[in-house]
Amino acid sequence: MMHAYGTTFPRLRAAAGPVWGAYTRHAFVEALRDGTLPRSAYLGYLVQDYIFLIHFARAWALAVTKAETVAEMRACATTLDALVNREIRLHVRTCAAAGLSEADLFATDEHPANLAYTRYVLEAGHAGDLLDLLAALAPCVMGYGEVGARLGPVPTDHRYAAWINTYAGAAYQQICRDAGALLDGAVARRVGLAPEATPGWSRLCERFRTATRLEVSFWDMGLSFGD
């Protein structure tokens, strides 16, 4: 199931080629879907994803400073709020049940795959403009929305219902639509309605493709915790 989430995201997704499917239909995702993912892999992934979301929130805070309009600032700030005050709660709640406090999560050493991905996104924002940053952020935001919509919703007794239903749910799907609208508006404002015809389009595609490749590595990391 592929969702549009605006008009720019589908074009970036298409330009990414086979790596998009390698990400959204990764073995980790499929094991979540059928409930066969080892619990150790899931918890290891959640701990690292908590750290990832901390840096991801910082990237969205950076996006506020890269914005050129109040509307862009509000959109970025809304996503930041959703990350810090909603999405992270899933990780904290699940890990608490396994005996890990939020302080434990925050103090965990970052896996190299996590370091590579988060620093790439932040570097894209610091070195480029809002479009560079959004292109690097989009695979995570919309990719999780696409995965959630394909896998769920599922019954509450599914082993990984909390994760699947979070990303399949109306609140997260709205975040994806809002992020898609932000991306569309940023593209229209900066390069016009035909971005593929501009010199910077290939750079945005490469930002998106690289972030998608790093998402694949992140899932690989998750599976490694089940070994």
N, C-alpha and C. Protein backbone atom coordinates (compact mmCIF):
# COMPACT_ATOMS: atom_id res chain seq x y z
N MET A 1 0.85 -1.18 0.00
CA MET A 1 0.00 0.00 0.00
C MET A 1 0.89 1.24 0.00
N MET A 2 0.76 2.06 -1.04
CA MET A 2 1.55 3.28 -1.12
C MET A 2 0.62 4.48 -1.01
N HIS A 3 0.96 5.40 -0.12
CA HIS A 3 0.17 6.60 0.07
C HIS A 3 0.87 7.78 -0.59
N ALA A 4 0.08 8.72 -1.04
CA ALA A 4 0.65 9.87 -1.75
C ALA A 4 1.35 10.82 -0.78
N TYR A 5 0.65 11.21 0.30
CA TYR A 5 1.17 12.21 1.24
C TYR A 5 1.69 13.43 0.47
N GLY A 6 0.86 13.97 -0.39
CA GLY A 6 1.24 15.12 -1.20
C GLY A 6 1.69 14.71 -2.59
N THR A 7 2.36 15.62 -3.28
CA THR A 7 2.79 15.37 -4.65
C THR A 7 4.30 15.22 -4.80
N THR A 8 5.07 15.83 -3.90
CA THR A 8 6.53 15.75 -4.00
C THR A 8 7.05 14.42 -3.50
N PHE A 9 6.51 13.96 -2.37
CA PHE A 9 6.97 12.70 -1.80
C PHE A 9 6.88 11.53 -2.78
N PRO A 10 5.76 11.33 -3.50
CA PRO A 10 5.72 10.20 -4.43
C PRO A 10 6.81 10.28 -5.50
N ARG A 11 7.16 11.49 -5.93
CA ARG A 11 8.21 11.65 -6.94
C ARG A 11 9.59 11.30 -6.36
N LEU A 12 9.83 11.69 -5.13
CA LEU A 12 11.08 11.32 -4.49
C LEU A 12 11.14 9.81 -4.24
N ARG A 13 10.02 9.24 -3.84
CA ARG A 13 9.95 7.80 -3.61
C ARG A 13 10.24 7.04 -4.89
N ALA A 14 9.64 7.47 -6.00
CA ALA A 14 9.87 6.81 -7.28
C ALA A 14 11.34 6.93 -7.71
N ALA A 15 11.92 8.10 -7.45
CA ALA A 15 13.31 8.32 -7.84
C ALA A 15 14.27 7.48 -7.01
N ALA A 16 13.85 7.07 -5.81
CA ALA A 16 14.71 6.27 -4.95
C ALA A 16 14.91 4.86 -5.49
N GLY A 17 13.99 4.38 -6.31
CA GLY A 17 14.13 3.07 -6.91
C GLY A 17 13.91 1.92 -5.94
N PRO A 18 14.57 0.77 -6.16
CA PRO A 18 14.32 -0.44 -5.36
C PRO A 18 14.62 -0.30 -3.88
N VAL A 19 15.46 0.66 -3.51
CA VAL A 19 15.81 0.78 -2.09
C VAL A 19 14.58 1.11 -1.24
N TRP A 20 13.56 1.74 -1.86
CA TRP A 20 12.36 2.05 -1.08
C TRP A 20 11.66 0.77 -0.63
N GLY A 21 11.53 -0.19 -1.52
CA GLY A 21 10.93 -1.46 -1.15
C GLY A 21 11.78 -2.23 -0.16
N ALA A 22 13.11 -2.13 -0.30
CA ALA A 22 14.00 -2.79 0.65
C ALA A 22 13.80 -2.24 2.06
N TYR A 23 13.41 -1.00 2.14
CA TYR A 23 13.14 -0.35 3.43
C TYR A 23 11.75 -0.71 3.96
N THR A 24 10.72 -0.44 3.18
CA THR A 24 9.36 -0.58 3.70
C THR A 24 8.87 -2.02 3.76
N ARG A 25 9.58 -2.93 3.10
CA ARG A 25 9.23 -4.35 3.18
C ARG A 25 10.40 -5.18 3.69
N HIS A 26 11.19 -4.56 4.52
CA HIS A 26 12.35 -5.21 5.14
C HIS A 26 11.90 -6.41 5.98
N ALA A 27 12.81 -7.36 6.18
CA ALA A 27 12.49 -8.54 6.98
C ALA A 27 12.06 -8.18 8.40
N PHE A 28 12.60 -7.10 8.95
CA PHE A 28 12.19 -6.64 10.28
C PHE A 28 10.71 -6.25 10.27
N VAL A 29 10.30 -5.53 9.24
CA VAL A 29 8.91 -5.09 9.11
C VAL A 29 7.98 -6.29 8.95
N GLU A 30 8.38 -7.23 8.11
CA GLU A 30 7.54 -8.39 7.87
C GLU A 30 7.42 -9.25 9.12
N ALA A 31 8.48 -9.31 9.92
CA ALA A 31 8.41 -10.06 11.17
C ALA A 31 7.53 -9.35 12.20
N LEU A 32 7.52 -8.01 12.17
CA LEU A 32 6.56 -7.27 12.99
C LEU A 32 5.14 -7.64 12.58
N ARG A 33 4.91 -7.67 11.28
CA ARG A 33 3.56 -7.93 10.74
C ARG A 33 3.03 -9.29 11.20
N ASP A 34 3.87 -10.33 11.10
CA ASP A 34 3.36 -11.66 11.44
C ASP A 34 3.65 -12.07 12.88
N GLY A 35 4.25 -11.17 13.64
CA GLY A 35 4.47 -11.43 15.06
C GLY A 35 5.64 -12.34 15.38
N THR A 36 6.49 -12.65 14.39
CA THR A 36 7.60 -13.57 14.63
C THR A 36 8.89 -12.88 15.04
N LEU A 37 8.88 -11.54 15.08
CA LEU A 37 10.08 -10.81 15.47
C LEU A 37 10.44 -11.15 16.92
N PRO A 38 11.69 -11.58 17.17
CA PRO A 38 12.08 -11.86 18.56
C PRO A 38 11.91 -10.63 19.44
N ARG A 39 11.46 -10.86 20.66
CA ARG A 39 11.24 -9.72 21.57
C ARG A 39 12.54 -8.96 21.81
N SER A 40 13.67 -9.67 21.85
CA SER A 40 14.96 -9.01 22.06
C SER A 40 15.28 -8.06 20.92
N ALA A 41 14.90 -8.44 19.69
CA ALA A 41 15.12 -7.57 18.55
C ALA A 41 14.24 -6.33 18.64
N TYR A 42 13.01 -6.53 19.05
CA TYR A 42 12.08 -5.41 19.17
C TYR A 42 12.53 -4.42 20.24
N LEU A 43 12.91 -4.93 21.39
CA LEU A 43 13.33 -4.04 22.48
C LEU A 43 14.65 -3.34 22.14
N GLY A 44 15.57 -4.07 21.52
CA GLY A 44 16.83 -3.45 21.12
C GLY A 44 16.60 -2.34 20.12
N TYR A 45 15.70 -2.59 19.18
CA TYR A 45 15.34 -1.56 18.20
C TYR A 45 14.68 -0.36 18.88
N LEU A 46 13.75 -0.60 19.81
CA LEU A 46 13.04 0.50 20.46
C LEU A 46 14.00 1.40 21.25
N VAL A 47 14.97 0.80 21.92
CA VAL A 47 15.93 1.59 22.67
C VAL A 47 16.71 2.50 21.72
N GLN A 48 17.20 1.93 20.61
CA GLN A 48 17.94 2.74 19.65
C GLN A 48 17.03 3.75 18.96
N ASP A 49 15.77 3.38 18.73
CA ASP A 49 14.86 4.30 18.07
C ASP A 49 14.50 5.46 19.00
N TYR A 50 14.49 5.22 20.29
CA TYR A 50 14.29 6.32 21.24
C TYR A 50 15.41 7.36 21.04
N ILE A 51 16.64 6.90 20.98
CA ILE A 51 17.77 7.80 20.77
C ILE A 51 17.65 8.49 19.41
N PHE A 52 17.25 7.71 18.41
CA PHE A 52 17.05 8.28 17.08
C PHE A 52 16.03 9.42 17.14
N LEU A 53 14.92 9.20 17.82
CA LEU A 53 13.87 10.21 17.87
C LEU A 53 14.32 11.47 18.60
N ILE A 54 15.23 11.33 19.56
CA ILE A 54 15.79 12.52 20.21
C ILE A 54 16.50 13.39 19.17
N HIS A 55 17.34 12.77 18.35
CA HIS A 55 18.06 13.51 17.32
C HIS A 55 17.12 13.98 16.21
N PHE A 56 16.12 13.16 15.91
CA PHE A 56 15.14 13.52 14.90
C PHE A 56 14.37 14.77 15.33
N ALA A 57 14.05 14.83 16.63
CA ALA A 57 13.38 16.01 17.17
C ALA A 57 14.28 17.24 17.03
N ARG A 58 15.57 17.07 17.27
CA ARG A 58 16.51 18.17 17.10
C ARG A 58 16.54 18.63 15.64
N ALA A 59 16.43 17.67 14.72
CA ALA A 59 16.42 18.03 13.30
C ALA A 59 15.17 18.84 12.95
N TRP A 60 14.03 18.48 13.53
CA TRP A 60 12.81 19.26 13.28
C TRP A 60 12.89 20.63 13.94
N ALA A 61 13.60 20.72 15.08
CA ALA A 61 13.83 22.03 15.70
C ALA A 61 14.71 22.88 14.78
N LEU A 62 15.70 22.24 14.16
CA LEU A 62 16.54 22.95 13.19
C LEU A 62 15.69 23.42 12.01
N ALA A 63 14.72 22.61 11.62
CA ALA A 63 13.85 22.99 10.50
C ALA A 63 13.11 24.29 10.79
N VAL A 64 12.75 24.51 12.06
CA VAL A 64 12.09 25.76 12.43
C VAL A 64 12.99 26.94 12.08
N THR A 65 14.28 26.81 12.34
CA THR A 65 15.21 27.91 12.05
C THR A 65 15.48 28.07 10.56
N LYS A 66 15.23 27.02 9.78
CA LYS A 66 15.44 27.07 8.32
C LYS A 66 14.19 27.57 7.59
N ALA A 67 13.08 27.63 8.30
CA ALA A 67 11.82 28.03 7.68
C ALA A 67 11.87 29.50 7.24
N GLU A 68 11.09 29.80 6.20
CA GLU A 68 11.04 31.17 5.67
C GLU A 68 9.71 31.85 5.93
N THR A 69 8.73 31.10 6.42
CA THR A 69 7.42 31.67 6.71
C THR A 69 6.95 31.19 8.08
N VAL A 70 6.02 31.90 8.66
CA VAL A 70 5.44 31.49 9.94
C VAL A 70 4.70 30.16 9.78
N ALA A 71 4.04 29.96 8.63
CA ALA A 71 3.33 28.71 8.39
C ALA A 71 4.29 27.53 8.40
N GLU A 72 5.46 27.69 7.77
CA GLU A 72 6.46 26.63 7.80
C GLU A 72 6.95 26.39 9.22
N MET A 73 7.17 27.46 9.97
CA MET A 73 7.61 27.31 11.35
C MET A 73 6.59 26.54 12.17
N ARG A 74 5.31 26.88 12.00
CA ARG A 74 4.26 26.18 12.75
C ARG A 74 4.21 24.70 12.39
N ALA A 75 4.33 24.39 11.11
CA ALA A 75 4.27 23.00 10.67
C ALA A 75 5.42 22.20 11.26
N CYS A 76 6.62 22.76 11.24
CA CYS A 76 7.78 22.07 11.80
C CYS A 76 7.64 21.91 13.31
N ALA A 77 7.14 22.95 13.98
CA ALA A 77 6.97 22.89 15.43
C ALA A 77 5.91 21.87 15.83
N THR A 78 4.88 21.72 15.01
CA THR A 78 3.83 20.74 15.29
C THR A 78 4.39 19.32 15.23
N THR A 79 5.22 19.05 14.22
CA THR A 79 5.84 17.73 14.11
C THR A 79 6.80 17.49 15.27
N LEU A 80 7.55 18.51 15.65
CA LEU A 80 8.44 18.40 16.80
C LEU A 80 7.66 18.04 18.06
N ASP A 81 6.53 18.69 18.27
CA ASP A 81 5.69 18.40 19.43
C ASP A 81 5.19 16.96 19.40
N ALA A 82 4.78 16.49 18.22
CA ALA A 82 4.29 15.11 18.11
C ALA A 82 5.37 14.11 18.45
N LEU A 83 6.61 14.38 18.03
CA LEU A 83 7.72 13.48 18.33
C LEU A 83 8.01 13.43 19.82
N VAL A 84 8.19 14.60 20.42
CA VAL A 84 8.63 14.67 21.81
C VAL A 84 7.54 14.26 22.78
N ASN A 85 6.30 14.63 22.49
CA ASN A 85 5.23 14.44 23.46
C ASN A 85 4.28 13.29 23.15
N ARG A 86 4.44 12.64 21.97
CA ARG A 86 3.55 11.53 21.66
C ARG A 86 4.31 10.27 21.22
N GLU A 87 5.07 10.38 20.13
CA GLU A 87 5.69 9.17 19.58
C GLU A 87 6.69 8.54 20.55
N ILE A 88 7.47 9.36 21.23
CA ILE A 88 8.46 8.83 22.16
C ILE A 88 7.80 8.07 23.30
N ARG A 89 6.55 8.41 23.63
CA ARG A 89 5.86 7.73 24.73
C ARG A 89 5.74 6.23 24.50
N LEU A 90 5.52 5.82 23.24
CA LEU A 90 5.42 4.39 22.93
C LEU A 90 6.69 3.67 23.37
N HIS A 91 7.84 4.26 23.08
CA HIS A 91 9.12 3.65 23.41
C HIS A 91 9.31 3.60 24.93
N VAL A 92 9.01 4.71 25.59
CA VAL A 92 9.19 4.78 27.04
C VAL A 92 8.28 3.78 27.74
N ARG A 93 7.03 3.71 27.32
CA ARG A 93 6.04 2.82 27.94
C ARG A 93 6.43 1.35 27.76
N THR A 94 6.81 0.98 26.55
CA THR A 94 7.15 -0.41 26.27
C THR A 94 8.42 -0.83 27.00
N CYS A 95 9.41 0.04 26.98
CA CYS A 95 10.68 -0.29 27.63
C CYS A 95 10.54 -0.29 29.15
N ALA A 96 9.67 0.54 29.69
CA ALA A 96 9.43 0.55 31.14
C ALA A 96 8.89 -0.80 31.59
N ALA A 97 8.04 -1.39 30.76
CA ALA A 97 7.49 -2.71 31.09
C ALA A 97 8.57 -3.78 31.12
N ALA A 98 9.70 -3.50 30.42
CA ALA A 98 10.82 -4.44 30.40
C ALA A 98 11.88 -4.06 31.43
N GLY A 99 11.56 -3.07 32.29
CA GLY A 99 12.47 -2.70 33.35
C GLY A 99 13.46 -1.61 33.02
N LEU A 100 13.26 -0.91 31.90
CA LEU A 100 14.17 0.16 31.48
C LEU A 100 13.49 1.51 31.67
N SER A 101 14.12 2.39 32.44
CA SER A 101 13.58 3.72 32.64
C SER A 101 13.95 4.62 31.47
N GLU A 102 13.31 5.79 31.39
CA GLU A 102 13.68 6.71 30.32
C GLU A 102 15.12 7.19 30.49
N ALA A 103 15.58 7.31 31.72
CA ALA A 103 16.98 7.68 31.95
C ALA A 103 17.91 6.61 31.39
N ASP A 104 17.53 5.34 31.52
CA ASP A 104 18.32 4.25 30.94
C ASP A 104 18.38 4.39 29.42
N LEU A 105 17.24 4.69 28.81
CA LEU A 105 17.19 4.83 27.35
C LEU A 105 18.09 5.97 26.89
N PHE A 106 18.00 7.09 27.57
CA PHE A 106 18.75 8.27 27.17
C PHE A 106 20.25 8.05 27.30
N ALA A 107 20.66 7.20 28.27
CA ALA A 107 22.08 6.95 28.53
C ALA A 107 22.67 5.84 27.68
N THR A 108 21.85 5.17 26.88
CA THR A 108 22.33 4.05 26.07
C THR A 108 23.31 4.53 25.00
N ASP A 109 24.36 3.74 24.76
CA ASP A 109 25.30 4.05 23.69
C ASP A 109 24.60 3.90 22.34
N GLU A 110 24.87 4.82 21.45
CA GLU A 110 24.28 4.75 20.11
C GLU A 110 24.97 3.68 19.26
N HIS A 111 24.16 2.91 18.59
CA HIS A 111 24.67 1.94 17.62
C HIS A 111 25.25 2.71 16.43
N PRO A 112 26.31 2.19 15.79
CA PRO A 112 26.88 2.88 14.63
C PRO A 112 25.86 3.20 13.54
N ALA A 113 24.88 2.32 13.32
CA ALA A 113 23.85 2.58 12.31
C ALA A 113 23.01 3.78 12.69
N ASN A 114 22.79 3.95 13.98
CA ASN A 114 22.03 5.09 14.50
C ASN A 114 22.83 6.37 14.33
N LEU A 115 24.10 6.32 14.70
CA LEU A 115 24.99 7.47 14.53
C LEU A 115 25.02 7.92 13.07
N ALA A 116 25.19 6.96 12.17
CA ALA A 116 25.30 7.31 10.75
C ALA A 116 24.04 8.01 10.24
N TYR A 117 22.89 7.49 10.62
CA TYR A 117 21.64 8.04 10.12
C TYR A 117 21.34 9.41 10.71
N THR A 118 21.39 9.51 12.03
CA THR A 118 21.00 10.77 12.66
C THR A 118 21.95 11.90 12.29
N ARG A 119 23.24 11.61 12.23
CA ARG A 119 24.18 12.67 11.89
C ARG A 119 24.07 13.07 10.43
N TYR A 120 23.70 12.12 9.58
CA TYR A 120 23.48 12.47 8.18
C TYR A 120 22.33 13.46 8.05
N VAL A 121 21.23 13.19 8.74
CA VAL A 121 20.07 14.08 8.67
C VAL A 121 20.42 15.47 9.20
N LEU A 122 21.10 15.52 10.33
CA LEU A 122 21.46 16.82 10.90
C LEU A 122 22.45 17.57 10.00
N GLU A 123 23.37 16.83 9.41
CA GLU A 123 24.32 17.48 8.49
C GLU A 123 23.61 18.04 7.28
N ALA A 124 22.61 17.32 6.78
CA ALA A 124 21.84 17.81 5.64
C ALA A 124 21.19 19.14 5.96
N GLY A 125 20.69 19.26 7.19
CA GLY A 125 20.06 20.50 7.60
C GLY A 125 21.04 21.63 7.83
N HIS A 126 22.15 21.32 8.46
CA HIS A 126 23.14 22.37 8.74
C HIS A 126 23.82 22.86 7.46
N ALA A 127 24.09 21.94 6.54
CA ALA A 127 24.82 22.30 5.32
C ALA A 127 23.90 22.86 4.24
N GLY A 128 22.64 22.49 4.25
CA GLY A 128 21.72 22.90 3.19
C GLY A 128 20.61 23.80 3.70
N ASP A 129 19.53 23.85 2.91
CA ASP A 129 18.38 24.65 3.28
C ASP A 129 17.25 23.75 3.77
N LEU A 130 16.07 24.31 3.92
CA LEU A 130 14.95 23.52 4.43
C LEU A 130 14.63 22.34 3.53
N LEU A 131 14.76 22.50 2.23
CA LEU A 131 14.46 21.40 1.32
C LEU A 131 15.42 20.23 1.51
N ASP A 132 16.70 20.53 1.69
CA ASP A 132 17.67 19.46 1.95
C ASP A 132 17.28 18.69 3.21
N LEU A 133 16.91 19.43 4.24
CA LEU A 133 16.55 18.79 5.50
C LEU A 133 15.26 17.98 5.37
N LEU A 134 14.25 18.53 4.72
CA LEU A 134 12.99 17.80 4.56
C LEU A 134 13.17 16.55 3.72
N ALA A 135 14.02 16.61 2.69
CA ALA A 135 14.27 15.44 1.86
C ALA A 135 14.93 14.32 2.67
N ALA A 136 15.76 14.69 3.63
CA ALA A 136 16.41 13.70 4.48
C ALA A 136 15.48 13.18 5.58
N LEU A 137 14.51 14.00 6.00
CA LEU A 137 13.56 13.61 7.03
C LEU A 137 12.40 12.77 6.49
N ALA A 138 12.03 13.00 5.24
CA ALA A 138 10.81 12.41 4.68
C ALA A 138 10.78 10.88 4.69
N PRO A 139 11.88 10.18 4.38
CA PRO A 139 11.78 8.72 4.38
C PRO A 139 11.32 8.13 5.70
N CYS A 140 11.76 8.70 6.81
CA CYS A 140 11.33 8.19 8.11
C CYS A 140 9.86 8.51 8.35
N VAL A 141 9.49 9.77 8.19
CA VAL A 141 8.12 10.18 8.49
C VAL A 141 7.13 9.41 7.63
N MET A 142 7.28 9.52 6.31
CA MET A 142 6.30 8.91 5.42
C MET A 142 6.49 7.39 5.29
N GLY A 143 7.72 6.93 5.42
CA GLY A 143 7.94 5.48 5.34
C GLY A 143 7.25 4.74 6.46
N TYR A 144 7.33 5.27 7.68
CA TYR A 144 6.63 4.64 8.81
C TYR A 144 5.12 4.72 8.62
N GLY A 145 4.66 5.83 8.03
CA GLY A 145 3.23 5.92 7.74
C GLY A 145 2.79 4.88 6.73
N GLU A 146 3.60 4.69 5.71
CA GLU A 146 3.27 3.70 4.68
C GLU A 146 3.30 2.29 5.26
N VAL A 147 4.31 1.99 6.07
CA VAL A 147 4.41 0.68 6.71
C VAL A 147 3.21 0.46 7.64
N GLY A 148 2.91 1.46 8.46
CA GLY A 148 1.80 1.31 9.39
C GLY A 148 0.48 1.08 8.68
N ALA A 149 0.24 1.83 7.59
CA ALA A 149 -1.01 1.68 6.84
C ALA A 149 -1.12 0.31 6.19
N ARG A 150 0.01 -0.26 5.79
CA ARG A 150 -0.01 -1.58 5.16
C ARG A 150 -0.20 -2.68 6.19
N LEU A 151 0.41 -2.53 7.36
CA LEU A 151 0.36 -3.59 8.37
C LEU A 151 -0.90 -3.54 9.24
N GLY A 152 -1.47 -2.38 9.40
CA GLY A 152 -2.55 -2.27 10.37
C GLY A 152 -3.79 -1.58 9.83
N PRO A 153 -4.74 -1.37 10.72
CA PRO A 153 -4.67 -1.72 12.15
C PRO A 153 -4.81 -3.22 12.40
N VAL A 154 -4.34 -3.64 13.56
CA VAL A 154 -4.41 -5.05 13.95
C VAL A 154 -5.14 -5.15 15.28
N PRO A 155 -5.66 -6.33 15.63
CA PRO A 155 -6.31 -6.51 16.94
C PRO A 155 -5.34 -6.23 18.08
N THR A 156 -5.88 -5.81 19.20
CA THR A 156 -5.04 -5.43 20.33
C THR A 156 -4.26 -6.59 20.93
N ASP A 157 -4.65 -7.83 20.61
CA ASP A 157 -3.90 -8.96 21.14
C ASP A 157 -2.74 -9.37 20.22
N HIS A 158 -2.56 -8.67 19.11
CA HIS A 158 -1.38 -8.91 18.27
C HIS A 158 -0.14 -8.58 19.09
N ARG A 159 0.91 -9.35 18.90
CA ARG A 159 2.12 -9.18 19.70
C ARG A 159 2.70 -7.77 19.60
N TYR A 160 2.59 -7.17 18.42
CA TYR A 160 3.16 -5.84 18.22
C TYR A 160 2.09 -4.82 17.83
N ALA A 161 0.92 -4.99 18.45
CA ALA A 161 -0.20 -4.08 18.15
C ALA A 161 0.12 -2.64 18.50
N ALA A 162 0.82 -2.41 19.60
CA ALA A 162 1.10 -1.03 20.02
C ALA A 162 1.89 -0.29 18.96
N TRP A 163 2.91 -0.94 18.40
CA TRP A 163 3.73 -0.30 17.38
C TRP A 163 2.93 -0.13 16.09
N ILE A 164 2.34 -1.21 15.60
CA ILE A 164 1.64 -1.16 14.32
C ILE A 164 0.50 -0.16 14.36
N ASN A 165 -0.30 -0.19 15.41
CA ASN A 165 -1.48 0.69 15.48
C ASN A 165 -1.10 2.15 15.71
N THR A 166 0.06 2.39 16.30
CA THR A 166 0.52 3.78 16.41
C THR A 166 0.73 4.38 15.03
N TYR A 167 1.41 3.65 14.17
CA TYR A 167 1.74 4.20 12.85
C TYR A 167 0.61 4.02 11.83
N ALA A 168 -0.29 3.10 12.10
CA ALA A 168 -1.48 2.96 11.26
C ALA A 168 -2.57 3.94 11.64
N GLY A 169 -2.47 4.49 12.86
CA GLY A 169 -3.55 5.30 13.41
C GLY A 169 -3.74 6.64 12.75
N ALA A 170 -4.91 7.21 12.97
CA ALA A 170 -5.29 8.47 12.33
C ALA A 170 -4.34 9.61 12.69
N ALA A 171 -3.87 9.64 13.95
CA ALA A 171 -3.00 10.74 14.37
C ALA A 171 -1.69 10.72 13.59
N TYR A 172 -1.08 9.54 13.46
CA TYR A 172 0.20 9.49 12.75
C TYR A 172 -0.01 9.70 11.25
N GLN A 173 -1.07 9.15 10.70
CA GLN A 173 -1.34 9.36 9.27
C GLN A 173 -1.54 10.84 8.96
N GLN A 174 -2.12 11.58 9.90
CA GLN A 174 -2.28 13.02 9.70
C GLN A 174 -0.92 13.72 9.73
N ILE A 175 -0.02 13.26 10.59
CA ILE A 175 1.34 13.81 10.61
C ILE A 175 1.99 13.64 9.24
N CYS A 176 1.79 12.48 8.63
CA CYS A 176 2.36 12.22 7.30
C CYS A 176 1.77 13.15 6.25
N ARG A 177 0.45 13.34 6.30
CA ARG A 177 -0.18 14.25 5.34
C ARG A 177 0.31 15.68 5.54
N ASP A 178 0.46 16.07 6.80
CA ASP A 178 0.93 17.43 7.08
C ASP A 178 2.38 17.61 6.63
N ALA A 179 3.21 16.59 6.85
CA ALA A 179 4.60 16.66 6.40
C ALA A 179 4.67 16.72 4.88
N GLY A 180 3.78 15.98 4.22
CA GLY A 180 3.73 16.03 2.76
C GLY A 180 3.34 17.40 2.26
N ALA A 181 2.37 18.02 2.93
CA ALA A 181 1.95 19.37 2.54
C ALA A 181 3.06 20.39 2.79
N LEU A 182 3.78 20.22 3.90
CA LEU A 182 4.91 21.10 4.18
C LEU A 182 5.96 20.98 3.09
N LEU A 183 6.28 19.75 2.70
CA LEU A 183 7.27 19.52 1.66
C LEU A 183 6.82 20.12 0.33
N ASP A 184 5.56 19.92 -0.03
CA ASP A 184 5.03 20.49 -1.27
C ASP A 184 5.14 22.01 -1.26
N GLY A 185 4.75 22.62 -0.15
CA GLY A 185 4.78 24.07 -0.06
C GLY A 185 6.20 24.61 -0.11
N ALA A 186 7.12 23.91 0.55
CA ALA A 186 8.52 24.35 0.55
C ALA A 186 9.11 24.27 -0.85
N VAL A 187 8.76 23.21 -1.58
CA VAL A 187 9.24 23.07 -2.95
C VAL A 187 8.67 24.18 -3.83
N ALA A 188 7.35 24.40 -3.74
CA ALA A 188 6.71 25.43 -4.57
C ALA A 188 7.30 26.81 -4.27
N ARG A 189 7.56 27.09 -3.02
CA ARG A 189 8.07 28.40 -2.64
C ARG A 189 9.50 28.62 -3.15
N ARG A 190 10.32 27.58 -3.13
CA ARG A 190 11.74 27.75 -3.41
C ARG A 190 12.14 27.43 -4.85
N VAL A 191 11.50 26.45 -5.47
CA VAL A 191 11.92 26.06 -6.82
C VAL A 191 10.79 26.02 -7.84
N GLY A 192 9.54 26.22 -7.40
CA GLY A 192 8.44 26.23 -8.34
C GLY A 192 7.70 24.91 -8.41
N LEU A 193 6.76 24.82 -9.33
CA LEU A 193 5.87 23.67 -9.43
C LEU A 193 6.41 22.53 -10.28
N ALA A 194 7.56 22.71 -10.89
CA ALA A 194 8.18 21.66 -11.70
C ALA A 194 9.60 21.41 -11.20
N PRO A 195 9.73 20.84 -10.00
CA PRO A 195 11.06 20.70 -9.39
C PRO A 195 12.02 19.83 -10.19
N GLU A 196 11.48 18.84 -10.91
CA GLU A 196 12.36 17.95 -11.69
C GLU A 196 13.16 18.71 -12.74
N ALA A 197 12.67 19.86 -13.15
CA ALA A 197 13.35 20.64 -14.18
C ALA A 197 14.42 21.57 -13.61
N THR A 198 14.59 21.56 -12.29
CA THR A 198 15.55 22.47 -11.67
C THR A 198 16.87 21.75 -11.39
N PRO A 199 17.98 22.50 -11.32
CA PRO A 199 19.30 21.89 -11.06
C PRO A 199 19.39 21.19 -9.71
N GLY A 200 18.59 21.62 -8.74
CA GLY A 200 18.69 21.05 -7.40
C GLY A 200 17.91 19.78 -7.18
N TRP A 201 17.10 19.36 -8.17
CA TRP A 201 16.26 18.18 -7.97
C TRP A 201 17.07 16.92 -7.71
N SER A 202 18.14 16.74 -8.47
CA SER A 202 18.96 15.53 -8.29
C SER A 202 19.57 15.49 -6.89
N ARG A 203 19.90 16.65 -6.33
CA ARG A 203 20.45 16.70 -4.98
C ARG A 203 19.41 16.26 -3.96
N LEU A 204 18.17 16.73 -4.14
CA LEU A 204 17.10 16.33 -3.22
C LEU A 204 16.83 14.83 -3.32
N CYS A 205 16.84 14.32 -4.53
CA CYS A 205 16.63 12.88 -4.71
C CYS A 205 17.72 12.07 -4.02
N GLU A 206 18.95 12.56 -4.11
CA GLU A 206 20.06 11.85 -3.47
C GLU A 206 19.95 11.94 -1.95
N ARG A 207 19.52 13.09 -1.43
CA ARG A 207 19.28 13.20 0.01
C ARG A 207 18.26 12.14 0.45
N PHE A 208 17.16 12.08 -0.27
CA PHE A 208 16.08 11.15 0.05
C PHE A 208 16.56 9.70 -0.06
N ARG A 209 17.26 9.39 -1.14
CA ARG A 209 17.74 8.02 -1.38
C ARG A 209 18.73 7.60 -0.29
N THR A 210 19.64 8.49 0.07
CA THR A 210 20.63 8.16 1.10
C THR A 210 19.96 7.91 2.45
N ALA A 211 19.01 8.76 2.81
CA ALA A 211 18.28 8.56 4.06
C ALA A 211 17.52 7.23 4.04
N THR A 212 16.99 6.86 2.89
CA THR A 212 16.28 5.58 2.77
C THR A 212 17.24 4.41 2.95
N ARG A 213 18.42 4.51 2.37
CA ARG A 213 19.44 3.47 2.55
C ARG A 213 19.79 3.32 4.03
N LEU A 214 19.87 4.45 4.73
CA LEU A 214 20.20 4.41 6.15
C LEU A 214 19.05 3.83 6.97
N GLU A 215 17.81 3.98 6.48
CA GLU A 215 16.68 3.31 7.13
C GLU A 215 16.82 1.79 7.02
N VAL A 216 17.25 1.32 5.86
CA VAL A 216 17.47 -0.13 5.69
C VAL A 216 18.50 -0.62 6.71
N SER A 217 19.58 0.13 6.87
CA SER A 217 20.61 -0.25 7.83
C SER A 217 20.07 -0.24 9.26
N PHE A 218 19.13 0.66 9.52
CA PHE A 218 18.53 0.73 10.86
C PHE A 218 17.72 -0.53 11.14
N TRP A 219 16.94 -0.99 10.16
CA TRP A 219 16.21 -2.24 10.33
C TRP A 219 17.19 -3.42 10.50
N ASP A 220 18.28 -3.41 9.71
CA ASP A 220 19.30 -4.46 9.84
C ASP A 220 19.81 -4.51 11.27
N MET A 221 20.07 -3.33 11.83
CA MET A 221 20.51 -3.22 13.22
C MET A 221 19.49 -3.88 14.14
N GLY A 222 18.19 -3.57 13.92
CA GLY A 222 17.16 -4.14 14.76
C GLY A 222 17.18 -5.66 14.75
N LEU A 223 17.31 -6.23 13.57
CA LEU A 223 17.37 -7.70 13.47
C LEU A 223 18.57 -8.27 14.21
N SER A 224 19.67 -7.53 14.23
CA SER A 224 20.89 -8.04 14.87
C SER A 224 20.71 -8.25 16.37
N PHE A 225 19.76 -7.54 16.98
CA PHE A 225 19.53 -7.70 18.41
C PHE A 225 18.82 -9.01 18.72
N GLY A 226 18.32 -9.68 17.69
CA GLY A 226 17.65 -10.96 17.91
C GLY A 226 18.57 -12.15 17.73
N ASP A 227 19.85 -11.89 17.39
CA ASP A 227 20.78 -12.99 17.15
C ASP A 227 21.14 -13.71 18.46
